[in-house]
N, C-alpha and C. Protein backbone atom coordinates (compact mmCIF):
# COMPACT_ATOMS: atom_id res chain seq x y z
N MET A 1 -21.67 -128.02 -112.16
CA MET A 1 -22.77 -127.00 -111.91
C MET A 1 -23.58 -127.86 -110.88
N ASP A 2 -23.50 -126.81 -109.43
CA ASP A 2 -24.45 -127.34 -108.50
C ASP A 2 -25.91 -126.45 -108.60
N THR A 3 -26.84 -127.16 -108.71
CA THR A 3 -28.19 -126.26 -108.50
C THR A 3 -28.84 -126.62 -107.17
N THR A 4 -29.26 -125.65 -106.43
CA THR A 4 -29.93 -126.16 -105.14
C THR A 4 -31.39 -125.46 -105.25
N ARG A 5 -32.13 -125.88 -104.64
CA ARG A 5 -33.27 -125.50 -104.53
C ARG A 5 -33.50 -124.96 -103.26
N SER A 6 -34.70 -123.73 -103.07
CA SER A 6 -35.20 -123.51 -101.91
C SER A 6 -35.99 -124.80 -101.18
N PRO A 7 -36.42 -124.80 -99.89
CA PRO A 7 -36.90 -125.85 -99.26
C PRO A 7 -38.65 -125.68 -99.85
N THR A 8 -39.34 -126.31 -99.77
CA THR A 8 -40.75 -126.52 -99.91
C THR A 8 -41.41 -125.44 -100.82
N PRO A 9 -40.62 -125.35 -102.46
CA PRO A 9 -41.08 -124.62 -103.12
C PRO A 9 -42.61 -124.74 -103.50
N ASP A 10 -43.23 -123.88 -103.96
CA ASP A 10 -44.88 -123.92 -104.35
C ASP A 10 -44.36 -124.11 -105.95
N PRO A 11 -45.14 -125.24 -106.48
CA PRO A 11 -45.01 -125.49 -107.80
C PRO A 11 -45.65 -124.72 -108.79
N ARG A 12 -46.42 -123.57 -108.18
CA ARG A 12 -47.14 -122.55 -109.40
C ARG A 12 -46.15 -121.52 -108.98
N SER A 13 -45.05 -121.15 -108.63
CA SER A 13 -44.33 -120.02 -108.48
C SER A 13 -43.37 -120.06 -109.56
N PRO A 14 -43.13 -118.60 -110.16
CA PRO A 14 -42.16 -118.53 -111.16
C PRO A 14 -40.73 -118.81 -110.52
N ILE A 15 -40.01 -119.12 -111.33
CA ILE A 15 -38.68 -119.81 -110.99
C ILE A 15 -37.41 -118.76 -111.24
N LEU A 16 -36.59 -118.74 -110.21
CA LEU A 16 -35.81 -117.55 -110.24
C LEU A 16 -34.38 -118.36 -110.27
N TYR A 17 -33.51 -118.01 -111.10
CA TYR A 17 -32.07 -118.81 -110.94
C TYR A 17 -30.59 -117.78 -110.67
N PRO A 18 -30.44 -117.38 -109.68
CA PRO A 18 -29.45 -116.74 -109.23
C PRO A 18 -28.29 -117.43 -109.37
N VAL A 19 -27.14 -116.84 -110.14
CA VAL A 19 -26.05 -117.84 -110.27
C VAL A 19 -24.59 -117.13 -109.61
N ILE A 20 -24.11 -117.88 -109.42
CA ILE A 20 -22.76 -117.59 -108.51
C ILE A 20 -21.60 -118.17 -109.10
N LEU A 21 -20.59 -117.18 -109.70
CA LEU A 21 -19.38 -117.92 -110.10
C LEU A 21 -17.93 -117.56 -109.71
N ALA A 22 -17.12 -118.42 -109.63
CA ALA A 22 -15.80 -118.00 -108.92
C ALA A 22 -15.10 -117.13 -109.80
N VAL A 23 -14.30 -116.53 -109.44
CA VAL A 23 -13.33 -115.65 -110.34
C VAL A 23 -12.32 -116.28 -110.34
N PRO A 24 -11.68 -116.71 -111.65
CA PRO A 24 -10.25 -117.30 -111.66
C PRO A 24 -9.21 -116.65 -110.93
N GLU A 25 -8.45 -117.32 -110.11
CA GLU A 25 -7.52 -116.55 -109.17
C GLU A 25 -6.51 -115.63 -109.94
N ALA A 26 -5.97 -116.13 -111.44
CA ALA A 26 -5.48 -115.21 -112.31
C ALA A 26 -5.72 -113.56 -112.35
N ASP A 27 -7.42 -113.70 -112.50
CA ASP A 27 -8.31 -112.19 -112.24
C ASP A 27 -8.41 -111.48 -111.33
N GLN A 28 -7.99 -112.11 -110.06
CA GLN A 28 -8.32 -111.32 -109.03
C GLN A 28 -6.86 -110.68 -108.41
N ASP A 29 -5.85 -111.20 -109.14
CA ASP A 29 -4.13 -110.24 -108.99
C ASP A 29 -3.92 -109.21 -110.17
N LEU A 30 -5.31 -108.91 -111.06
CA LEU A 30 -5.09 -107.68 -111.95
C LEU A 30 -4.61 -106.38 -111.29
N ALA A 31 -4.20 -105.64 -112.12
CA ALA A 31 -4.34 -104.27 -111.74
C ALA A 31 -5.77 -103.71 -111.40
N ALA A 32 -6.31 -102.57 -110.99
CA ALA A 32 -7.29 -102.28 -110.16
C ALA A 32 -8.43 -101.98 -111.42
N ARG A 33 -8.04 -101.16 -112.34
CA ARG A 33 -8.80 -101.28 -113.49
C ARG A 33 -8.93 -102.04 -114.19
N GLU A 34 -8.27 -102.65 -114.70
CA GLU A 34 -8.26 -104.10 -115.44
C GLU A 34 -9.25 -105.11 -114.72
N ARG A 35 -9.10 -105.25 -113.36
CA ARG A 35 -9.69 -106.34 -112.28
C ARG A 35 -11.05 -106.03 -112.25
N VAL A 36 -11.80 -104.87 -112.35
CA VAL A 36 -13.06 -104.15 -112.51
C VAL A 36 -13.70 -104.56 -113.84
N GLU A 37 -12.92 -104.34 -114.76
CA GLU A 37 -13.58 -104.53 -115.91
C GLU A 37 -13.40 -106.14 -116.21
N ASN A 38 -12.81 -107.22 -115.82
CA ASN A 38 -12.77 -108.36 -115.61
C ASN A 38 -13.84 -109.03 -114.72
N LEU A 39 -14.05 -108.33 -113.70
CA LEU A 39 -15.15 -108.53 -112.80
C LEU A 39 -16.63 -108.34 -113.32
N SER A 40 -16.65 -107.47 -113.93
CA SER A 40 -17.79 -106.94 -114.86
C SER A 40 -18.15 -107.68 -115.82
N ARG A 41 -16.97 -108.24 -116.65
CA ARG A 41 -17.13 -109.51 -117.59
C ARG A 41 -17.74 -110.67 -116.92
N HIS A 42 -17.50 -111.37 -115.81
CA HIS A 42 -17.59 -112.38 -115.56
C HIS A 42 -18.83 -111.99 -114.72
N ALA A 43 -19.51 -111.09 -114.36
CA ALA A 43 -20.58 -111.17 -113.68
C ALA A 43 -21.98 -110.83 -114.80
N ARG A 44 -21.38 -110.51 -115.99
CA ARG A 44 -22.37 -110.62 -117.13
C ARG A 44 -22.23 -112.17 -117.45
N LYS A 45 -21.30 -113.06 -117.31
CA LYS A 45 -21.41 -114.11 -117.63
C LYS A 45 -22.49 -114.91 -116.96
N ALA A 46 -22.57 -114.61 -115.61
CA ALA A 46 -23.22 -115.08 -114.60
C ALA A 46 -24.95 -114.81 -115.16
N LEU A 47 -24.97 -113.37 -115.43
CA LEU A 47 -26.34 -113.09 -115.71
C LEU A 47 -26.64 -113.92 -117.13
N GLY A 48 -26.21 -114.14 -117.92
CA GLY A 48 -26.24 -115.00 -119.24
C GLY A 48 -26.75 -116.16 -118.70
N ILE A 49 -25.98 -116.90 -117.78
CA ILE A 49 -26.51 -118.22 -117.32
C ILE A 49 -27.75 -118.22 -116.94
N SER A 50 -28.04 -117.00 -115.80
CA SER A 50 -29.47 -116.96 -115.42
C SER A 50 -30.48 -116.67 -116.56
N ALA A 51 -30.02 -116.11 -117.49
CA ALA A 51 -30.78 -115.89 -118.78
C ALA A 51 -31.24 -116.92 -119.32
N LYS A 52 -30.19 -118.00 -119.90
CA LYS A 52 -30.39 -119.10 -120.40
C LYS A 52 -31.48 -120.07 -119.72
N LYS A 53 -31.10 -120.31 -118.57
CA LYS A 53 -31.99 -121.10 -117.63
C LYS A 53 -33.34 -120.71 -117.72
N SER A 54 -33.40 -119.37 -117.60
CA SER A 54 -34.96 -119.01 -117.35
C SER A 54 -35.47 -118.65 -118.90
N GLY A 55 -34.96 -119.16 -120.05
CA GLY A 55 -35.28 -119.04 -121.43
C GLY A 55 -35.49 -117.26 -121.90
N VAL A 56 -34.67 -116.86 -121.75
CA VAL A 56 -34.61 -115.03 -122.01
C VAL A 56 -33.37 -115.02 -122.88
N ALA A 57 -33.87 -114.40 -123.79
CA ALA A 57 -32.38 -113.97 -124.76
C ALA A 57 -32.04 -112.41 -124.32
N VAL A 58 -31.04 -112.50 -123.92
CA VAL A 58 -30.37 -111.17 -123.31
C VAL A 58 -30.37 -110.07 -124.56
N GLU A 59 -30.46 -109.00 -124.03
CA GLU A 59 -30.55 -107.90 -125.42
C GLU A 59 -29.43 -107.12 -124.89
N ARG A 60 -29.22 -105.84 -125.43
CA ARG A 60 -28.29 -105.03 -124.88
C ARG A 60 -28.66 -104.59 -123.43
N LEU A 61 -27.47 -104.81 -122.53
CA LEU A 61 -27.62 -104.08 -121.03
C LEU A 61 -27.41 -102.94 -121.07
N LEU A 62 -28.34 -101.96 -120.24
CA LEU A 62 -28.34 -100.46 -120.55
C LEU A 62 -28.41 -100.22 -118.79
N LYS A 63 -27.94 -99.05 -118.42
CA LYS A 63 -28.12 -98.40 -117.15
C LYS A 63 -28.52 -97.04 -117.28
N ASP A 64 -29.39 -96.49 -116.29
CA ASP A 64 -29.82 -95.14 -116.08
C ASP A 64 -28.57 -94.45 -115.68
N GLU A 65 -28.88 -92.89 -115.51
CA GLU A 65 -27.97 -92.06 -115.07
C GLU A 65 -27.40 -91.92 -113.76
N HIS A 66 -27.97 -93.13 -112.81
CA HIS A 66 -27.81 -93.30 -111.67
C HIS A 66 -26.82 -94.52 -111.72
N GLY A 67 -26.72 -95.30 -112.79
CA GLY A 67 -26.15 -96.71 -112.76
C GLY A 67 -27.27 -97.93 -112.43
N ALA A 68 -28.44 -97.60 -112.40
CA ALA A 68 -29.32 -98.83 -112.36
C ALA A 68 -29.63 -99.15 -113.35
N PRO A 69 -29.68 -100.77 -113.41
CA PRO A 69 -30.05 -101.52 -114.60
C PRO A 69 -31.41 -101.18 -114.84
N LEU A 70 -31.52 -100.61 -116.48
CA LEU A 70 -32.63 -100.55 -117.27
C LEU A 70 -33.16 -102.06 -117.66
N PRO A 71 -34.58 -102.36 -117.36
CA PRO A 71 -35.16 -103.70 -118.00
C PRO A 71 -35.16 -103.64 -119.64
N PHE A 72 -35.38 -104.80 -119.92
CA PHE A 72 -35.39 -105.00 -121.65
C PHE A 72 -36.51 -106.04 -121.64
N ALA A 73 -37.30 -105.88 -122.58
CA ALA A 73 -38.78 -106.73 -122.94
C ALA A 73 -39.56 -107.38 -122.06
N GLY A 74 -39.32 -106.20 -120.84
CA GLY A 74 -40.17 -107.00 -119.49
C GLY A 74 -39.37 -107.68 -118.87
N ASN A 75 -37.92 -107.75 -118.70
CA ASN A 75 -37.09 -108.17 -117.86
C ASN A 75 -35.92 -107.73 -117.40
N TYR A 76 -36.26 -107.93 -115.86
CA TYR A 76 -35.13 -106.94 -114.99
C TYR A 76 -34.21 -107.63 -114.70
N TRP A 77 -32.87 -107.21 -114.52
CA TRP A 77 -31.60 -107.96 -114.18
C TRP A 77 -30.69 -107.42 -113.41
N SER A 78 -30.02 -107.99 -112.53
CA SER A 78 -28.91 -107.30 -111.58
C SER A 78 -27.76 -107.99 -111.42
N VAL A 79 -26.76 -107.61 -111.31
CA VAL A 79 -25.39 -108.24 -111.18
C VAL A 79 -24.63 -107.73 -110.08
N THR A 80 -23.52 -108.32 -109.58
CA THR A 80 -22.84 -108.23 -108.29
C THR A 80 -21.44 -109.06 -108.19
N HIS A 81 -20.31 -108.08 -107.87
CA HIS A 81 -19.03 -108.82 -107.99
C HIS A 81 -18.35 -108.30 -106.69
N LYS A 82 -17.52 -109.30 -105.90
CA LYS A 82 -16.53 -109.18 -105.22
C LYS A 82 -15.25 -109.78 -105.67
N PRO A 83 -14.12 -109.66 -105.02
CA PRO A 83 -12.71 -110.15 -105.63
C PRO A 83 -12.84 -111.74 -106.19
N ALA A 84 -13.32 -112.35 -105.19
CA ALA A 84 -13.47 -113.85 -105.59
C ALA A 84 -14.88 -114.33 -106.11
N TYR A 85 -15.86 -114.03 -105.90
CA TYR A 85 -17.04 -114.44 -106.55
C TYR A 85 -17.83 -113.84 -107.58
N VAL A 86 -18.45 -113.74 -108.34
CA VAL A 86 -19.79 -112.69 -108.87
C VAL A 86 -20.83 -113.48 -108.89
N GLY A 87 -22.00 -112.55 -109.28
CA GLY A 87 -23.10 -113.08 -109.07
C GLY A 87 -24.18 -112.28 -110.20
N GLY A 88 -25.17 -113.07 -110.93
CA GLY A 88 -26.16 -112.21 -111.77
C GLY A 88 -27.35 -112.88 -111.78
N VAL A 89 -28.69 -112.17 -112.12
CA VAL A 89 -29.64 -112.92 -111.87
C VAL A 89 -30.52 -112.23 -112.88
N ILE A 90 -31.68 -112.88 -113.67
CA ILE A 90 -32.57 -112.08 -114.47
C ILE A 90 -34.06 -112.64 -114.28
N ALA A 91 -35.01 -111.52 -114.12
CA ALA A 91 -36.38 -112.17 -113.69
C ALA A 91 -37.50 -111.33 -114.24
N ALA A 92 -38.51 -111.61 -114.06
CA ALA A 92 -39.76 -110.65 -114.88
C ALA A 92 -40.39 -109.76 -113.98
N VAL A 93 -39.45 -109.33 -112.55
CA VAL A 93 -40.06 -108.61 -111.79
C VAL A 93 -38.86 -108.07 -111.05
N ARG A 94 -38.98 -107.12 -110.60
CA ARG A 94 -37.87 -106.15 -110.04
C ARG A 94 -36.96 -107.20 -109.28
N ILE A 95 -35.70 -106.98 -109.55
CA ILE A 95 -34.32 -108.02 -108.99
C ILE A 95 -33.56 -107.56 -108.47
N GLY A 96 -32.84 -108.07 -107.38
CA GLY A 96 -31.65 -107.45 -107.00
C GLY A 96 -31.06 -108.64 -106.45
N ILE A 97 -29.47 -108.39 -106.64
CA ILE A 97 -28.56 -109.56 -106.03
C ILE A 97 -27.32 -108.86 -105.34
N ASP A 98 -26.68 -109.75 -104.31
CA ASP A 98 -25.81 -109.11 -103.82
C ASP A 98 -24.71 -110.03 -103.34
N ILE A 99 -23.55 -110.00 -103.28
CA ILE A 99 -22.54 -110.95 -102.52
C ILE A 99 -21.38 -110.12 -101.47
N GLU A 100 -21.35 -110.88 -100.31
CA GLU A 100 -20.33 -109.96 -99.57
C GLU A 100 -19.51 -111.16 -99.05
N LYS A 101 -18.38 -111.14 -98.76
CA LYS A 101 -17.26 -111.71 -97.78
C LYS A 101 -17.69 -111.60 -96.41
N ILE A 102 -17.91 -112.36 -95.60
CA ILE A 102 -18.54 -112.37 -94.06
C ILE A 102 -17.02 -111.98 -93.33
N ARG A 103 -16.74 -111.04 -92.59
CA ARG A 103 -15.59 -110.38 -92.14
C ARG A 103 -15.74 -109.43 -91.07
N PRO A 104 -14.75 -109.23 -90.19
CA PRO A 104 -15.35 -108.53 -89.16
C PRO A 104 -15.24 -107.01 -89.93
N CYS A 105 -16.04 -105.87 -88.85
CA CYS A 105 -16.37 -104.71 -89.42
C CYS A 105 -16.93 -104.02 -88.07
N SER A 106 -16.69 -102.80 -88.21
CA SER A 106 -17.15 -101.86 -87.01
C SER A 106 -18.18 -101.82 -86.49
N GLU A 107 -18.20 -101.23 -84.97
CA GLU A 107 -19.63 -100.94 -84.26
C GLU A 107 -20.35 -99.91 -85.24
N ALA A 108 -19.72 -99.07 -85.90
CA ALA A 108 -20.12 -97.82 -86.36
C ALA A 108 -20.86 -98.24 -87.76
N LEU A 109 -20.51 -99.18 -88.50
CA LEU A 109 -21.03 -99.71 -89.35
C LEU A 109 -22.25 -100.32 -89.06
N PHE A 110 -22.27 -101.30 -88.13
CA PHE A 110 -23.44 -101.91 -87.45
C PHE A 110 -24.59 -100.76 -87.16
N LYS A 111 -24.38 -99.49 -86.78
CA LYS A 111 -25.32 -98.63 -86.66
C LYS A 111 -25.63 -97.91 -87.63
N LYS A 112 -24.79 -97.89 -88.56
CA LYS A 112 -25.34 -97.33 -89.86
C LYS A 112 -25.99 -97.91 -90.67
N THR A 113 -26.13 -99.32 -90.32
CA THR A 113 -26.68 -100.59 -91.30
C THR A 113 -28.20 -100.61 -90.81
N ALA A 114 -28.45 -100.50 -89.30
CA ALA A 114 -29.87 -100.92 -88.67
C ALA A 114 -29.48 -100.20 -87.54
N ASP A 115 -31.00 -100.07 -87.14
CA ASP A 115 -31.06 -99.73 -85.40
C ASP A 115 -31.54 -100.73 -84.62
N GLU A 116 -31.32 -99.99 -83.14
CA GLU A 116 -31.74 -101.15 -82.33
C GLU A 116 -32.75 -102.00 -82.42
N ARG A 117 -33.75 -101.31 -82.99
CA ARG A 117 -35.02 -102.27 -83.16
C ARG A 117 -34.95 -103.42 -84.04
N GLU A 118 -33.94 -102.72 -85.17
CA GLU A 118 -34.08 -103.92 -86.43
C GLU A 118 -33.07 -105.17 -85.53
N TRP A 119 -31.79 -104.50 -85.06
CA TRP A 119 -30.94 -105.54 -84.33
C TRP A 119 -31.61 -106.46 -83.25
N ARG A 120 -32.69 -106.23 -82.37
CA ARG A 120 -33.28 -107.12 -81.69
C ARG A 120 -33.82 -108.26 -82.54
N LEU A 121 -34.22 -108.03 -83.39
CA LEU A 121 -35.08 -108.96 -84.21
C LEU A 121 -33.59 -110.37 -84.48
N ALA A 122 -32.61 -109.82 -84.19
CA ALA A 122 -31.39 -111.27 -84.68
C ALA A 122 -31.40 -111.81 -83.17
N GLU A 123 -30.93 -112.78 -83.70
CA GLU A 123 -30.69 -113.85 -82.11
C GLU A 123 -29.39 -113.24 -81.82
N GLU A 124 -28.57 -113.02 -82.36
CA GLU A 124 -27.61 -112.30 -82.01
C GLU A 124 -26.69 -111.35 -82.90
N LYS A 125 -25.74 -110.26 -82.44
CA LYS A 125 -25.69 -109.29 -83.27
C LYS A 125 -24.13 -109.60 -83.96
N SER A 126 -24.11 -110.74 -84.70
CA SER A 126 -22.82 -111.02 -85.14
C SER A 126 -22.42 -111.05 -86.70
N PHE A 127 -21.14 -110.83 -87.12
CA PHE A 127 -20.91 -110.36 -88.21
C PHE A 127 -21.48 -111.22 -89.37
N SER A 128 -22.09 -112.31 -89.03
CA SER A 128 -22.91 -113.00 -90.17
C SER A 128 -24.25 -112.43 -90.06
N ALA A 129 -24.79 -112.11 -89.08
CA ALA A 129 -25.87 -111.30 -89.43
C ALA A 129 -25.92 -109.73 -89.86
N PHE A 130 -24.78 -109.45 -89.20
CA PHE A 130 -24.40 -107.94 -90.23
C PHE A 130 -24.66 -108.03 -91.77
N PHE A 131 -24.00 -108.95 -92.30
CA PHE A 131 -24.06 -109.29 -93.81
C PHE A 131 -25.15 -109.75 -94.04
N ARG A 132 -26.24 -110.71 -93.57
CA ARG A 132 -27.48 -110.78 -93.89
C ARG A 132 -28.19 -109.52 -93.87
N TYR A 133 -28.18 -108.43 -92.98
CA TYR A 133 -29.18 -107.36 -92.86
C TYR A 133 -28.55 -106.46 -94.17
N TRP A 134 -26.98 -106.37 -94.47
CA TRP A 134 -26.64 -105.16 -94.96
C TRP A 134 -26.87 -106.07 -96.83
N THR A 135 -26.87 -107.15 -97.04
CA THR A 135 -26.93 -107.63 -98.43
C THR A 135 -28.26 -107.65 -98.74
N SER A 136 -29.52 -108.03 -97.55
CA SER A 136 -30.84 -107.68 -97.80
C SER A 136 -31.28 -106.59 -98.32
N LYS A 137 -30.79 -105.35 -97.57
CA LYS A 137 -31.01 -103.93 -97.99
C LYS A 137 -30.14 -103.76 -99.50
N GLU A 138 -29.34 -104.16 -99.33
CA GLU A 138 -28.67 -103.97 -100.69
C GLU A 138 -29.76 -104.25 -102.16
N CYS A 139 -29.93 -105.61 -101.65
CA CYS A 139 -30.55 -106.02 -102.79
C CYS A 139 -31.92 -105.24 -103.07
N VAL A 140 -32.38 -105.12 -101.88
CA VAL A 140 -33.96 -104.23 -102.24
C VAL A 140 -33.73 -102.73 -102.61
N LEU A 141 -32.57 -102.23 -102.48
CA LEU A 141 -32.43 -101.01 -102.81
C LEU A 141 -31.86 -100.98 -104.72
N LYS A 142 -31.35 -101.86 -104.78
CA LYS A 142 -31.06 -102.23 -106.27
C LYS A 142 -32.08 -102.42 -106.89
N ALA A 143 -33.18 -103.18 -106.18
CA ALA A 143 -34.18 -103.68 -107.06
C ALA A 143 -35.22 -102.74 -107.17
N ALA A 144 -35.17 -101.47 -106.43
CA ALA A 144 -35.68 -100.12 -106.64
C ALA A 144 -35.36 -99.27 -107.22
N GLY A 145 -34.06 -99.37 -107.52
CA GLY A 145 -33.25 -98.61 -108.63
C GLY A 145 -32.93 -97.03 -107.65
N THR A 146 -32.92 -97.15 -106.41
CA THR A 146 -32.80 -95.86 -105.78
C THR A 146 -31.15 -96.10 -104.87
N GLY A 147 -30.59 -96.89 -104.62
CA GLY A 147 -29.13 -97.35 -104.25
C GLY A 147 -29.09 -96.80 -102.62
N MET A 148 -27.76 -96.79 -102.55
CA MET A 148 -27.65 -97.05 -100.67
C MET A 148 -27.63 -95.64 -100.27
N ARG A 149 -28.20 -94.73 -100.88
CA ARG A 149 -28.70 -93.18 -100.30
C ARG A 149 -29.84 -93.68 -99.18
N ASP A 150 -30.63 -94.67 -99.71
CA ASP A 150 -31.76 -94.59 -98.93
C ASP A 150 -31.76 -95.91 -98.03
N LEU A 151 -30.39 -96.27 -97.10
CA LEU A 151 -30.21 -97.16 -96.62
C LEU A 151 -31.04 -97.16 -95.56
N SER A 152 -31.21 -96.14 -94.70
CA SER A 152 -31.57 -95.67 -93.27
C SER A 152 -33.16 -95.77 -93.52
N ARG A 153 -33.72 -95.82 -94.71
CA ARG A 153 -35.32 -95.76 -95.05
C ARG A 153 -35.75 -97.56 -95.05
N CYS A 154 -34.82 -98.09 -95.47
CA CYS A 154 -34.70 -99.43 -95.86
C CYS A 154 -34.70 -100.51 -94.32
N ARG A 155 -35.51 -101.05 -94.02
CA ARG A 155 -35.86 -101.77 -92.55
C ARG A 155 -35.99 -103.03 -92.71
N ILE A 156 -35.22 -103.87 -92.07
CA ILE A 156 -35.64 -105.33 -91.61
C ILE A 156 -36.63 -105.16 -90.39
N VAL A 157 -37.87 -106.25 -91.03
CA VAL A 157 -39.00 -106.27 -90.02
C VAL A 157 -39.21 -107.64 -89.57
N GLN A 158 -38.50 -108.64 -90.23
CA GLN A 158 -38.83 -109.75 -90.14
C GLN A 158 -37.77 -110.77 -90.65
N ILE A 159 -36.83 -111.65 -89.45
CA ILE A 159 -36.10 -112.72 -89.49
C ILE A 159 -36.95 -114.03 -90.02
N ASP A 160 -37.13 -114.42 -91.09
CA ASP A 160 -37.99 -115.50 -91.27
C ASP A 160 -37.61 -116.84 -90.95
N ASP A 161 -36.13 -117.12 -91.33
CA ASP A 161 -35.45 -118.61 -90.54
C ASP A 161 -34.05 -117.94 -91.27
N GLY A 162 -33.21 -119.32 -91.07
CA GLY A 162 -31.46 -118.82 -91.32
C GLY A 162 -31.44 -118.53 -92.63
N ASN A 163 -32.27 -118.40 -93.59
CA ASN A 163 -31.73 -117.81 -94.88
C ASN A 163 -32.87 -117.15 -95.57
N ASN A 164 -34.00 -116.79 -94.82
CA ASN A 164 -34.97 -115.55 -95.35
C ASN A 164 -35.15 -114.42 -94.37
N ILE A 165 -35.15 -113.31 -94.75
CA ILE A 165 -35.41 -112.10 -94.41
C ILE A 165 -36.56 -111.20 -94.78
N THR A 166 -37.22 -110.54 -94.40
CA THR A 166 -38.37 -109.41 -94.80
C THR A 166 -38.01 -108.23 -94.61
N VAL A 167 -38.00 -107.61 -95.86
CA VAL A 167 -37.37 -106.20 -95.23
C VAL A 167 -38.65 -105.56 -95.62
N ALA A 168 -38.90 -103.86 -95.12
CA ALA A 168 -39.66 -102.86 -95.86
C ALA A 168 -39.34 -101.73 -96.20
N TYR A 169 -39.47 -101.74 -97.70
CA TYR A 169 -39.12 -100.41 -97.97
C TYR A 169 -40.35 -99.86 -99.12
N ARG A 170 -40.43 -98.59 -99.04
CA ARG A 170 -41.49 -97.82 -99.98
C ARG A 170 -42.55 -98.26 -99.81
N ASN A 171 -43.27 -98.56 -98.63
CA ASN A 171 -44.68 -99.28 -98.31
C ASN A 171 -45.01 -100.74 -98.76
N LYS A 172 -43.72 -101.42 -99.09
CA LYS A 172 -43.80 -102.35 -99.70
C LYS A 172 -43.16 -103.71 -98.80
N ARG A 173 -43.33 -104.61 -98.51
CA ARG A 173 -42.42 -105.71 -98.05
C ARG A 173 -41.84 -106.60 -99.24
N TRP A 174 -40.54 -106.76 -99.07
CA TRP A 174 -39.68 -107.37 -99.84
C TRP A 174 -39.19 -108.87 -99.41
N HIS A 175 -39.40 -109.65 -100.17
CA HIS A 175 -38.51 -111.26 -99.49
C HIS A 175 -37.25 -111.39 -99.73
N VAL A 176 -36.22 -111.48 -99.07
CA VAL A 176 -34.96 -111.80 -99.41
C VAL A 176 -34.42 -113.14 -99.04
N GLU A 177 -33.66 -113.87 -99.74
CA GLU A 177 -33.44 -115.06 -99.63
C GLU A 177 -31.32 -115.07 -99.61
N HIS A 178 -30.91 -115.84 -98.82
CA HIS A 178 -29.53 -116.09 -98.68
C HIS A 178 -29.04 -117.49 -99.07
N ALA A 179 -28.05 -117.41 -99.47
CA ALA A 179 -27.06 -118.54 -99.35
C ALA A 179 -25.65 -118.54 -99.10
N PHE A 180 -25.19 -119.39 -98.10
CA PHE A 180 -23.87 -119.32 -97.65
C PHE A 180 -22.89 -120.19 -98.20
N PHE A 181 -21.70 -119.64 -98.34
CA PHE A 181 -20.64 -120.66 -99.26
C PHE A 181 -19.39 -119.81 -98.82
N ASP A 182 -18.62 -120.90 -98.75
CA ASP A 182 -16.84 -120.33 -98.57
C ASP A 182 -16.78 -119.28 -98.06
N GLY A 183 -17.33 -118.81 -96.76
CA GLY A 183 -17.23 -117.81 -95.92
C GLY A 183 -18.00 -116.58 -96.48
N HIS A 184 -18.72 -116.64 -97.57
CA HIS A 184 -19.48 -115.72 -98.38
C HIS A 184 -21.16 -115.64 -98.33
N ILE A 185 -21.85 -114.50 -98.32
CA ILE A 185 -23.23 -114.61 -98.47
C ILE A 185 -23.28 -113.95 -99.48
N ALA A 186 -24.22 -114.84 -100.37
CA ALA A 186 -25.32 -114.43 -101.50
C ALA A 186 -26.91 -113.81 -101.33
N SER A 187 -27.18 -112.90 -101.46
CA SER A 187 -28.66 -112.76 -101.35
C SER A 187 -29.55 -112.23 -102.28
N VAL A 188 -30.71 -112.81 -102.50
CA VAL A 188 -31.40 -112.32 -103.74
C VAL A 188 -32.92 -111.97 -103.39
N ILE A 189 -33.32 -111.26 -104.07
CA ILE A 189 -34.81 -110.63 -103.86
C ILE A 189 -35.62 -112.06 -104.49
N LYS A 190 -36.62 -112.50 -103.72
CA LYS A 190 -37.42 -113.83 -103.93
C LYS A 190 -38.86 -113.29 -104.55
N ASN A 191 -39.61 -112.60 -103.44
CA ASN A 191 -40.77 -112.21 -103.55
C ASN A 191 -41.68 -113.22 -104.78
N GLY A 192 -41.97 -114.14 -104.01
CA GLY A 192 -42.91 -115.31 -104.53
C GLY A 192 -42.48 -116.25 -105.46
N CYS A 193 -41.09 -116.10 -105.70
CA CYS A 193 -40.36 -117.23 -106.70
C CYS A 193 -39.89 -118.19 -105.85
N ASP A 194 -39.71 -119.18 -106.83
CA ASP A 194 -39.15 -120.59 -106.22
C ASP A 194 -37.54 -120.60 -106.45
N VAL A 195 -36.62 -119.88 -105.66
CA VAL A 195 -35.23 -119.75 -105.82
C VAL A 195 -34.52 -120.88 -106.01
N ARG A 196 -33.80 -121.14 -107.14
CA ARG A 196 -33.02 -122.10 -107.29
C ARG A 196 -31.32 -121.78 -107.65
N TRP A 197 -30.50 -121.75 -106.74
CA TRP A 197 -29.31 -121.16 -107.02
C TRP A 197 -28.41 -122.03 -107.69
N VAL A 198 -27.81 -121.41 -108.46
CA VAL A 198 -26.71 -122.23 -109.27
C VAL A 198 -25.26 -121.87 -108.78
N PHE A 199 -24.51 -122.78 -108.51
CA PHE A 199 -23.05 -122.55 -108.12
C PHE A 199 -21.98 -122.92 -109.19
N GLU A 200 -21.23 -122.21 -109.50
CA GLU A 200 -19.91 -122.85 -110.26
C GLU A 200 -18.74 -122.06 -109.57
N LEU A 201 -18.60 -123.03 -108.37
CA LEU A 201 -17.26 -122.80 -107.58
C LEU A 201 -15.87 -123.25 -107.75
């Protein structure tokens, strides 16, 4: 198990453990419904590891009528899954995590995800930059519990560095940290936390 820390953490900051797990190849080849069920199970395993590292006992995990995770005992949680990797994180503050494979996408999707003012913040309009924007916004919308219907209201306002972005949404600034691995990007809301990524690849 590889645990990677954010640079120059503040020792007074709460620690956040986003966990990324590889999906066994056998589970990647299952029929659609069974594959989704297995990905969900693996994502809950990642969440369990995050909870254990955070000293949290996981209770029954429930969602609201829109599918947004409901907090329990003051703890917020978020999971994500893609065919090859899943992720999970638990925190005492609103949280969101997302994984995407970095791959080609259409100009229309670039335009849907961010406007020209947002794209001018990026060094280049690359597929890597696209998925930084996409996963950052998805994390924020997950944390807020609103979902992708508010994508256009969620705005990139600053590229902090190669692994951090600031997003504005609902009169609040959200800070997102990225981790790059095996052609994928994982993003998590950090908002004042010391992020320690946990990878089981």
